[in-house]
C-alpha atoms as a PDB file:
ATOM      1  CA  MET A   1       0.000   0.000   0.000  1.00  0.00           C
ATOM      2  CA  PHE A   2       2.786   2.378   0.990  1.00  0.00           C
ATOM      3  CA  ALA A   3       4.730   1.490  -2.155  1.00  0.00           C
ATOM      4  CA  ARG A   4       1.700   2.077  -4.366  1.00  0.00           C
ATOM      5  CA  ARG A   5       1.093   5.456  -2.682  1.00  0.00           C
ATOM      6  CA  PHE A   6       4.751   6.379  -3.086  1.00  0.00           C
ATOM      7  CA  VAL A   7       4.717   5.508  -6.785  1.00  0.00           C
ATOM      8  CA  LYS A   8       1.472   7.433  -7.207  1.00  0.00           C
ATOM      9  CA  PHE A   9       2.941  10.396  -5.335  1.00  0.00           C
ATOM     10  CA  GLY A  10       6.078  10.195  -7.460  1.00  0.00           C
ATOM     11  CA  CYS A  11       4.012  10.252 -10.647  1.00  0.00           C
ATOM     12  CA  SER A  12       2.119  13.279  -9.326  1.00  0.00           C
ATOM     13  CA  LEU A  13       5.407  15.078  -8.714  1.00  0.00           C
ATOM     14  CA  SER A  14       6.521  14.254 -12.231  1.00  0.00           C
ATOM     15  CA  ILE A  15       3.295  15.618 -13.676  1.00  0.00           C
ATOM     16  CA  ILE A  16       3.627  18.772 -11.570  1.00  0.00           C
ATOM     17  CA  ALA A  17       7.224  19.167 -12.729  1.00  0.00           C
ATOM     18  CA  VAL A  18       6.260  18.808 -16.388  1.00  0.00           C
ATOM     19  CA  VAL A  19       3.436  21.316 -15.995  1.00  0.00           C
ATOM     20  CA  ALA A  20       5.757  23.733 -14.211  1.00  0.00           C
ATOM     21  CA  LEU A  21       8.400  23.335 -16.913  1.00  0.00           C
ATOM     22  CA  THR A  22       5.813  23.870 -19.648  1.00  0.00           C
ATOM     23  CA  TYR A  23       4.572  27.007 -17.881  1.00  0.00           C
ATOM     24  CA  ARG A  24       8.107  28.270 -17.457  1.00  0.00           C
ATOM     25  CA  VAL A  25       8.914  27.791 -21.152  1.00  0.00           C
ATOM     26  CA  HIS A  26       5.671  29.565 -22.050  1.00  0.00           C
ATOM     27  CA  ALA A  27       6.494  32.384 -19.643  1.00  0.00           C
ATOM     28  CA  GLN A  28       9.930  32.788 -21.223  1.00  0.00           C
ATOM     29  CA  THR A  29       8.506  33.126 -24.718  1.00  0.00           C
ATOM     30  CA  SER A  30       5.732  35.496 -23.715  1.00  0.00           C
ATOM     31  CA  SER A  31       7.533  37.501 -21.029  1.00  0.00           C
ATOM     32  CA  LEU A  32       8.962  40.069 -23.472  1.00  0.00           C
ATOM     33  CA  GLN A  33       5.495  41.276 -24.403  1.00  0.00           C
ATOM     34  CA  GLU A  34       4.222  41.042 -20.821  1.00  0.00           C
ATOM     35  CA  PHE A  35       7.277  42.897 -19.467  1.00  0.00           C
ATOM     36  CA  TYR A  36       6.695  45.929 -21.701  1.00  0.00           C
ATOM     37  CA  GLN A  37       2.940  45.889 -21.309  1.00  0.00           C
ATOM     38  CA  SER A  38       3.403  46.001 -17.546  1.00  0.00           C
ATOM     39  CA  LEU A  39       6.044  48.709 -17.862  1.00  0.00           C
ATOM     40  CA  VAL A  40       3.716  50.975 -19.825  1.00  0.00           C
ATOM     41  CA  GLN A  41       0.809  50.327 -17.460  1.00  0.00           C
ATOM     42  CA  ASN A  42       2.912  50.999 -14.345  1.00  0.00           C
ATOM     43  CA  PRO A  43       5.591  53.526 -15.337  1.00  0.00           C
ATOM     44  CA  SER A  44       6.046  54.784 -11.798  1.00  0.00           C
ATOM     45  CA  SER A  45       7.230  51.343 -10.660  1.00  0.00           C
ATOM     46  CA  PRO A  46       9.574  50.060 -13.384  1.00  0.00           C
ATOM     47  CA  PRO A  47      11.136  46.614 -12.942  1.00  0.00           C
ATOM     48  CA  ALA A  48      14.670  46.396 -11.605  1.00  0.00           C
ATOM     49  CA  TYR A  49      17.462  46.724 -14.153  1.00  0.00           C
ATOM     50  CA  GLU A  50      18.428  43.117 -13.483  1.00  0.00           C
ATOM     51  CA  ASN A  51      14.980  42.043 -14.678  1.00  0.00           C
ATOM     52  CA  LEU A  52      15.434  44.144 -17.803  1.00  0.00           C
ATOM     53  CA  ARG A  53      18.704  42.361 -18.513  1.00  0.00           C
ATOM     54  CA  LYS A  54      17.048  38.968 -18.119  1.00  0.00           C
ATOM     55  CA  VAL A  55      14.191  39.863 -20.457  1.00  0.00           C
ATOM     56  CA  THR A  56      16.337  41.449 -23.159  1.00  0.00           C
ATOM     57  CA  GLY A  57      18.889  38.657 -22.811  1.00  0.00           C
ATOM     58  CA  GLN A  58      16.375  36.164 -24.184  1.00  0.00           C
ATOM     59  CA  ILE A  59      15.656  38.196 -27.329  1.00  0.00           C
ATOM     60  CA  GLU A  60      18.384  36.589 -29.424  1.00  0.00           C
ATOM     61  CA  LYS A  61      16.755  33.157 -28.964  1.00  0.00           C
ATOM     62  CA  LEU A  62      13.090  34.083 -29.369  1.00  0.00           C
ATOM     63  CA  ARG A  63      11.156  33.051 -32.457  1.00  0.00           C
ATOM     64  CA  PRO A  64      10.493  35.927 -34.898  1.00  0.00           C
ATOM     65  CA  GLU A  65       6.758  35.731 -34.255  1.00  0.00           C
ATOM     66  CA  GLU A  66       7.346  36.298 -30.531  1.00  0.00           C
ATOM     67  CA  ILE A  67       9.370  39.427 -31.311  1.00  0.00           C
ATOM     68  CA  ILE A  68       6.668  40.702 -33.665  1.00  0.00           C
ATOM     69  CA  LYS A  69       4.017  40.037 -31.032  1.00  0.00           C
ATOM     70  CA  ALA A  70       5.938  42.124 -28.486  1.00  0.00           C
ATOM     71  CA  LEU A  71       6.739  45.078 -30.775  1.00  0.00           C
ATOM     72  CA  PRO A  72       3.528  47.080 -30.133  1.00  0.00           C
ATOM     73  CA  ALA A  73       4.238  47.044 -26.395  1.00  0.00           C
ATOM     74  CA  ILE A  74       7.906  47.924 -26.945  1.00  0.00           C
ATOM     75  CA  PHE A  75       7.037  50.887 -29.170  1.00  0.00           C
ATOM     76  CA  ALA A  76       4.388  52.029 -26.696  1.00  0.00           C
ATOM     77  CA  ALA A  77       7.212  52.152 -24.167  1.00  0.00           C
ATOM     78  CA  LEU A  78       9.519  53.927 -26.619  1.00  0.00           C
ATOM     79  CA  THR A  79       7.102  56.833 -27.029  1.00  0.00           C
ATOM     80  CA  HIS A  80       6.346  57.097 -23.313  1.00  0.00           C
ATOM     81  CA  LYS A  81       7.128  60.438 -21.705  1.00  0.00           C
ATOM     82  CA  ASP A  82       8.994  58.754 -18.847  1.00  0.00           C
ATOM     83  CA  ASN A  83      12.704  58.523 -19.721  1.00  0.00           C
ATOM     84  CA  THR A  84      13.194  55.268 -17.825  1.00  0.00           C
ATOM     85  CA  VAL A  85      10.362  53.605 -19.729  1.00  0.00           C
ATOM     86  CA  SER A  86      11.647  54.806 -23.113  1.00  0.00           C
ATOM     87  CA  GLY A  87      15.191  53.846 -22.141  1.00  0.00           C
ATOM     88  CA  TYR A  88      14.040  50.309 -21.373  1.00  0.00           C
ATOM     89  CA  ALA A  89      12.464  50.204 -24.843  1.00  0.00           C
ATOM     90  CA  ASP A  90      15.781  51.278 -26.389  1.00  0.00           C
ATOM     91  CA  SER A  91      17.436  48.315 -24.653  1.00  0.00           C
ATOM     92  CA  ALA A  92      14.973  45.884 -26.223  1.00  0.00           C
ATOM     93  CA  LEU A  93      15.300  47.440 -29.673  1.00  0.00           C
ATOM     94  CA  PHE A  94      19.086  47.294 -29.516  1.00  0.00           C
ATOM     95  CA  SER A  95      18.934  43.610 -28.564  1.00  0.00           C
ATOM     96  CA  ILE A  96      16.573  43.033 -31.495  1.00  0.00           C
ATOM     97  CA  ALA A  97      18.923  44.968 -33.793  1.00  0.00           C
ATOM     98  CA  LEU A  98      21.721  42.522 -32.953  1.00  0.00           C
ATOM     99  CA  ARG A  99      19.709  39.603 -34.363  1.00  0.00           C
ATOM    100  CA  PRO A 100      20.618  38.439 -37.888  1.00  0.00           C
ATOM    101  CA  ASP A 101      16.997  39.028 -38.986  1.00  0.00           C
ATOM    102  CA  SER A 102      16.585  42.426 -37.345  1.00  0.00           C
ATOM    103  CA  ALA A 103      16.283  44.445 -40.573  1.00  0.00           C
ATOM    104  CA  GLU A 104      13.254  42.393 -41.543  1.00  0.00           C
ATOM    105  CA  LEU A 105      11.750  42.415 -38.041  1.00  0.00           C
ATOM    106  CA  LEU A 106      11.973  46.209 -37.736  1.00  0.00           C
ATOM    107  CA  ARG A 107      11.502  47.198 -41.392  1.00  0.00           C
ATOM    108  CA  GLY A 108       8.023  48.566 -40.730  1.00  0.00           C
ATOM    109  CA  HIS A 109       9.234  50.479 -37.666  1.00  0.00           C
ATOM    110  CA  VAL A 110      12.289  52.297 -39.029  1.00  0.00           C
ATOM    111  CA  ASP A 111      10.523  55.674 -39.046  1.00  0.00           C
ATOM    112  CA  ALA A 112       9.338  55.175 -35.463  1.00  0.00           C
ATOM    113  CA  VAL A 113      12.916  54.549 -34.320  1.00  0.00           C
ATOM    114  CA  GLY A 114      14.161  57.446 -36.447  1.00  0.00           C
ATOM    115  CA  TYR A 115      11.653  59.787 -34.835  1.00  0.00           C
ATOM    116  CA  GLU A 116      13.692  59.449 -31.646  1.00  0.00           C
ATOM    117  CA  LEU A 117      16.309  61.624 -33.328  1.00  0.00           C
ATOM    118  CA  THR A 118      13.960  64.544 -32.668  1.00  0.00           C
ATOM    119  CA  SER A 119      14.106  63.899 -28.918  1.00  0.00           C
ATOM    120  CA  PRO A 120      15.666  66.617 -26.728  1.00  0.00           C
ATOM    121  CA  ALA A 121      17.523  63.891 -24.798  1.00  0.00           C
ATOM    122  CA  PRO A 122      20.976  63.140 -26.293  1.00  0.00           C
ATOM    123  CA  GLU A 123      20.911  59.545 -25.037  1.00  0.00           C
ATOM    124  CA  ARG A 124      17.664  58.910 -26.938  1.00  0.00           C
ATOM    125  CA  ARG A 125      19.151  60.329 -30.135  1.00  0.00           C
ATOM    126  CA  ALA A 126      22.309  58.263 -29.681  1.00  0.00           C
ATOM    127  CA  ALA A 127      20.252  55.111 -29.145  1.00  0.00           C
ATOM    128  CA  ALA A 128      18.306  55.699 -32.369  1.00  0.00           C
ATOM    129  CA  LEU A 129      21.518  56.145 -34.369  1.00  0.00           C
ATOM    130  CA  VAL A 130      22.994  52.929 -33.001  1.00  0.00           C
ATOM    131  CA  ILE A 131      19.814  50.846 -33.368  1.00  0.00           C
ATOM    132  CA  LEU A 132      19.245  51.839 -36.992  1.00  0.00           C
ATOM    133  CA  GLY A 133      22.915  51.436 -37.878  1.00  0.00           C
ATOM    134  CA  THR A 134      23.104  47.987 -36.286  1.00  0.00           C
ATOM    135  CA  LEU A 135      20.238  46.380 -38.231  1.00  0.00           C
ATOM    136  CA  LYS A 136      21.304  43.107 -39.840  1.00  0.00           C
ATOM    137  CA  PRO A 137      22.311  41.694 -42.209  1.00  0.00           C
ATOM    138  CA  VAL A 138      22.573  45.318 -43.388  1.00  0.00           C
ATOM    139  CA  PRO A 139      20.508  48.397 -42.524  1.00  0.00           C
ATOM    140  CA  PRO A 140      17.649  48.820 -45.024  1.00  0.00           C
ATOM    141  CA  PRO A 141      17.717  51.727 -47.511  1.00  0.00           C
ATOM    142  CA  GLU A 142      15.025  53.473 -45.472  1.00  0.00           C
ATOM    143  CA  VAL A 143      17.585  54.486 -42.824  1.00  0.00           C
ATOM    144  CA  VAL A 144      19.623  56.648 -45.222  1.00  0.00           C
ATOM    145  CA  PRO A 145      17.135  59.561 -45.523  1.00  0.00           C
ATOM    146  CA  ILE A 146      16.654  59.459 -41.745  1.00  0.00           C
ATOM    147  CA  PHE A 147      20.389  59.855 -41.124  1.00  0.00           C
ATOM    148  CA  LEU A 148      20.646  62.509 -43.832  1.00  0.00           C
ATOM    149  CA  ALA A 149      17.822  64.560 -42.324  1.00  0.00           C
ATOM    150  CA  PHE A 150      19.574  64.476 -38.964  1.00  0.00           C
ATOM    151  CA  LEU A 151      22.954  65.388 -40.453  1.00  0.00           C
ATOM    152  CA  LYS A 152      21.461  68.374 -42.286  1.00  0.00           C
ATOM    153  CA  ARG A 153      20.160  69.904 -39.081  1.00  0.00           C
ATOM    154  CA  THR A 154      22.157  72.928 -37.944  1.00  0.00           C
ATOM    155  CA  ASP A 155      21.037  73.155 -34.316  1.00  0.00           C
ATOM    156  CA  ALA A 156      23.695  72.591 -31.668  1.00  0.00           C
ATOM    157  CA  ASP A 157      22.185  69.336 -30.389  1.00  0.00           C
ATOM    158  CA  ALA A 158      22.236  67.677 -33.801  1.00  0.00           C
ATOM    159  CA  GLN A 159      25.674  68.993 -34.716  1.00  0.00           C
ATOM    160  CA  ALA A 160      27.103  67.620 -31.476  1.00  0.00           C
ATOM    161  CA  GLN A 161      26.025  64.122 -32.568  1.00  0.00           C
ATOM    162  CA  GLY A 162      26.527  64.554 -36.289  1.00  0.00           C
ATOM    163  CA  SER A 163      29.531  62.237 -36.235  1.00  0.00           C
ATOM    164  CA  GLY A 164      27.220  59.382 -35.293  1.00  0.00           C
ATOM    165  CA  ALA A 165      25.166  59.877 -38.450  1.00  0.00           C
ATOM    166  CA  ILE A 166      28.341  60.288 -40.516  1.00  0.00           C
ATOM    167  CA  PHE A 167      29.755  57.028 -39.147  1.00  0.00           C
ATOM    168  CA  GLU A 168      26.649  55.135 -40.222  1.00  0.00           C
ATOM    169  CA  LEU A 169      26.338  56.813 -43.629  1.00  0.00           C
ATOM    170  CA  VAL A 170      29.930  56.149 -44.720  1.00  0.00           C
ATOM    171  CA  HIS A 171      29.376  52.477 -43.936  1.00  0.00           C
ATOM    172  CA  ILE A 172      25.915  52.155 -45.509  1.00  0.00           C
ATOM    173  CA  ALA A 173      25.990  54.434 -48.569  1.00  0.00           C
ATOM    174  CA  PRO A 174      29.428  56.077 -49.017  1.00  0.00           C
ATOM    175  CA  GLU A 175      28.946  56.684 -52.760  1.00  0.00           C
ATOM    176  CA  ASN A 176      25.426  58.079 -52.537  1.00  0.00           C
ATOM    177  CA  PRO A 177      25.539  61.627 -54.018  1.00  0.00           C
ATOM    178  CA  GLU A 178      23.250  62.947 -51.279  1.00  0.00           C
ATOM    179  CA  VAL A 179      25.520  61.474 -48.622  1.00  0.00           C
ATOM    180  CA  ILE A 180      28.605  63.016 -50.203  1.00  0.00           C
ATOM    181  CA  ALA A 181      26.892  66.413 -50.427  1.00  0.00           C
ATOM    182  CA  ALA A 182      25.790  66.195 -46.785  1.00  0.00           C
ATOM    183  CA  LEU A 183      29.320  65.290 -45.656  1.00  0.00           C
ATOM    184  CA  ARG A 184      30.773  68.234 -47.550  1.00  0.00           C
ATOM    185  CA  ASP A 185      28.206  70.575 -46.025  1.00  0.00           C
ATOM    186  CA  PHE A 186      28.785  69.310 -42.483  1.00  0.00           C
ATOM    187  CA  LEU A 187      32.580  69.571 -42.702  1.00  0.00           C
ATOM    188  CA  SER A 188      32.313  73.120 -44.079  1.00  0.00           C
ATOM    189  CA  ARG A 189      30.428  74.385 -41.027  1.00  0.00           C
ATOM    190  CA  PRO A 190      32.070  76.374 -38.189  1.00  0.00           C
ATOM    191  CA  LEU A 191      31.960  73.432 -35.787  1.00  0.00           C
ATOM    192  CA  ASP A 192      33.359  73.439 -32.270  1.00  0.00           C
ATOM    193  CA  ASN A 193      36.652  71.568 -31.922  1.00  0.00           C
ATOM    194  CA  LYS A 194      35.141  68.473 -30.331  1.00  0.00           C
ATOM    195  CA  SER A 195      32.493  68.076 -33.030  1.00  0.00           C
ATOM    196  CA  ARG A 196      35.076  68.617 -35.763  1.00  0.00           C
ATOM    197  CA  ARG A 197      37.449  66.039 -34.292  1.00  0.00           C
ATOM    198  CA  GLU A 198      34.679  63.468 -34.045  1.00  0.00           C
ATOM    199  CA  ALA A 199      33.460  64.212 -37.584  1.00  0.00           C
ATOM    200  CA  LEU A 200      36.946  63.776 -39.035  1.00  0.00           C
ATOM    201  CA  VAL A 201      37.359  60.416 -37.342  1.00  0.00           C
ATOM    202  CA  ALA A 202      33.924  59.285 -38.575  1.00  0.00           C
ATOM    203  CA  VAL A 203      34.727  60.294 -42.173  1.00  0.00           C
ATOM    204  CA  GLY A 204      38.142  58.618 -42.128  1.00  0.00           C
ATOM    205  CA  LYS A 205      37.213  55.365 -43.859  1.00  0.00           C
ATOM    206  CA  ALA A 206      38.589  53.847 -47.050  1.00  0.00           C
ATOM    207  CA  THR A 207      35.054  53.879 -48.499  1.00  0.00           C
ATOM    208  CA  VAL A 208      35.173  57.702 -48.770  1.00  0.00           C
ATOM    209  CA  LYS A 209      36.763  58.611 -52.113  1.00  0.00           C
ATOM    210  CA  ASP A 210      35.364  62.068 -52.853  1.00  0.00           C
ATOM    211  CA  ALA A 211      38.194  64.448 -53.767  1.00  0.00           C
ATOM    212  CA  GLN A 212      36.557  67.490 -52.173  1.00  0.00           C
ATOM    213  CA  ILE A 213      36.090  65.689 -48.876  1.00  0.00           C
ATOM    214  CA  VAL A 214      39.704  64.492 -48.975  1.00  0.00           C
ATOM    215  CA  ALA A 215      40.790  68.097 -49.606  1.00  0.00           C
ATOM    216  CA  MET A 216      38.803  69.245 -46.579  1.00  0.00           C
ATOM    217  CA  MET A 217      40.492  66.582 -44.474  1.00  0.00           C
ATOM    218  CA  ILE A 218      43.903  67.748 -45.686  1.00  0.00           C
ATOM    219  CA  ALA A 219      43.037  71.361 -44.873  1.00  0.00           C
ATOM    220  CA  SER A 220      42.251  70.257 -41.313  1.00  0.00           C
ATOM    221  CA  LEU A 221      45.900  69.246 -40.907  1.00  0.00           C
ATOM    222  CA  ASP A 222      46.619  72.974 -40.502  1.00  0.00           C
ATOM    223  CA  ASP A 223      43.738  73.665 -38.107  1.00  0.00           C
ATOM    224  CA  PRO A 224      44.669  75.900 -35.131  1.00  0.00           C
ATOM    225  CA  ASP A 225      43.492  73.192 -32.715  1.00  0.00           C
ATOM    226  CA  MET A 226      46.088  70.512 -32.023  1.00  0.00           C
ATOM    227  CA  GLY A 227      43.435  67.851 -31.470  1.00  0.00           C
ATOM    228  CA  VAL A 228      41.865  68.572 -34.854  1.00  0.00           C
ATOM    229  CA  ARG A 229      45.266  68.234 -36.549  1.00  0.00           C
ATOM    230  CA  ILE A 230      45.827  64.876 -34.843  1.00  0.00           C
ATOM    231  CA  SER A 231      42.350  63.640 -35.773  1.00  0.00           C
ATOM    232  CA  ALA A 232      42.851  64.712 -39.393  1.00  0.00           C
ATOM    233  CA  ALA A 233      46.122  62.789 -39.630  1.00  0.00           C
ATOM    234  CA  GLN A 234      44.582  59.709 -38.049  1.00  0.00           C
ATOM    235  CA  ALA A 235      41.534  59.913 -40.313  1.00  0.00           C
ATOM    236  CA  LEU A 236      43.628  60.245 -43.465  1.00  0.00           C
ATOM    237  CA  SER A 237      45.549  57.150 -42.368  1.00  0.00           C
ATOM    238  CA  GLY A 238      42.340  55.178 -42.742  1.00  0.00           C
ATOM    239  CA  MET A 239      41.294  56.605 -46.107  1.00  0.00           C
ATOM    240  CA  GLY A 240      43.701  54.656 -48.280  1.00  0.00           C
ATOM    241  CA  GLN A 241      46.722  55.353 -50.451  1.00  0.00           C
ATOM    242  CA  GLN A 242      45.098  57.837 -52.819  1.00  0.00           C
ATOM    243  CA  ALA A 243      44.077  60.152 -49.984  1.00  0.00           C
ATOM    244  CA  LEU A 244      47.482  59.815 -48.349  1.00  0.00           C
ATOM    245  CA  GLN A 245      49.238  60.653 -51.614  1.00  0.00           C
ATOM    246  CA  GLN A 246      47.164  63.819 -51.931  1.00  0.00           C
ATOM    247  CA  ALA A 247      48.039  64.718 -48.355  1.00  0.00           C
ATOM    248  CA  SER A 248      51.706  63.794 -48.647  1.00  0.00           C
ATOM    249  CA  PRO A 249      53.167  67.315 -49.051  1.00  0.00           C
ATOM    250  CA  VAL A 250      51.342  68.623 -45.979  1.00  0.00           C
ATOM    251  CA  LEU A 251      52.102  65.479 -43.965  1.00  0.00           C
ATOM    252  CA  GLN A 252      55.809  65.701 -44.811  1.00  0.00           C
ATOM    253  CA  ARG A 253      55.912  69.387 -43.875  1.00  0.00           C
ATOM    254  CA  LEU A 254      54.250  68.809 -40.507  1.00  0.00           C
ATOM    255  CA  ALA A 255      56.377  65.743 -39.769  1.00  0.00           C
ATOM    256  CA  ASN A 256      59.513  67.870 -40.075  1.00  0.00           C
ATOM    257  CA  ASP A 257      58.151  70.963 -38.328  1.00  0.00           C
ATOM    258  CA  PRO A 258      59.902  71.334 -34.949  1.00  0.00           C
ATOM    259  CA  ASN A 259      57.211  73.787 -33.836  1.00  0.00           C
ATOM    260  CA  GLN A 260      54.512  71.117 -33.962  1.00  0.00           C
ATOM    261  CA  PRO A 261      53.659  69.390 -30.660  1.00  0.00           C
ATOM    262  CA  ALA A 262      55.081  65.895 -30.290  1.00  0.00           C
ATOM    263  CA  ASP A 263      51.640  64.265 -30.475  1.00  0.00           C
ATOM    264  CA  VAL A 264      50.935  65.955 -33.804  1.00  0.00           C
ATOM    265  CA  ARG A 265      54.268  64.850 -35.273  1.00  0.00           C
ATOM    266  CA  THR A 266      53.652  61.298 -34.074  1.00  0.00           C
ATOM    267  CA  ALA A 267      50.201  61.139 -35.710  1.00  0.00           C
ATOM    268  CA  VAL A 268      51.539  62.658 -38.926  1.00  0.00           C
ATOM    269  CA  ARG A 269      54.525  60.307 -39.073  1.00  0.00           C
ATOM    270  CA  ASP A 270      52.218  57.335 -38.556  1.00  0.00           C
ATOM    271  CA  ALA A 271      50.248  58.512 -41.586  1.00  0.00           C
ATOM    272  CA  VAL A 272      53.419  58.974 -43.631  1.00  0.00           C
ATOM    273  CA  GLN A 273      54.518  55.487 -42.682  1.00  0.00           C
ATOM    274  CA  LYS A 274      51.263  54.077 -44.068  1.00  0.00           C
ATOM    275  CA  LEU A 275      51.959  55.923 -47.291  1.00  0.00           C
ATOM    276  CA  HIS A 276      55.444  54.452 -47.427  1.00  0.00           C
ATOM    277  CA  PRO A 277      55.231  51.183 -45.480  1.00  0.00           C
ATOM    278  CA  PRO A 278      58.648  49.738 -44.506  1.00  0.00           C
ATOM    279  CA  GLN A 279      59.996  47.137 -46.929  1.00  0.00           C
ATOM    280  CA  ARG A 280      60.273  43.582 -45.652  1.00  0.00           C
END
């Protein structure tokens, strides 16, 4: 009798365990939607950051249909006036952007993410730039006009983060005539030194071949700001042999100028060395 009861009890435990496991698996696949629905409904009591990490950590393994099901709740959070709520939405969207199918999953929501570039909060704008630029396997063509619109803005907030848009554009569409025109326009502006340094570094990719842009980079080698001169030399180093050959006379002059700070001469000599790599 005892044995029969024990076996029966053991079977009951097994059934309970299976049910619990089934519920847990279901909870894992539906928790992304539930998490953001709850967040929007109770913005004054957001979940702990550790819970956010757990929820967004599962995104890479979720089925596409589970992501799609959760997107309305995530975008409701993104447009919420509470910065914590919208920041939590950015975390989910970035995790989605890292997926190999993210461009397809978010194709219908590119404009909604891009709208965040109009936010007064710099962290929201930065998040939008990164999310759109991270979409895989490659960002869809729809992101280009969004980045261009941001780069064309002349207000201080946009100009301070213009390098982020430049970085994405020179990777996505470096030969697009509108992109080239926007880069020329941005580099011709009276930027503060920090913004100019960051823009030069963002432009300094081998994909940028435009002669006028290269000429603007070379002109920056004689900028009054030491940091700008260093950034220009470093950027030209990454633009390939043709750009370095165009810059060679200025690079050689600065490399041999005893009045230049040591850091400038070092950056310039590194560029010259890439133009004339040592023979092996």
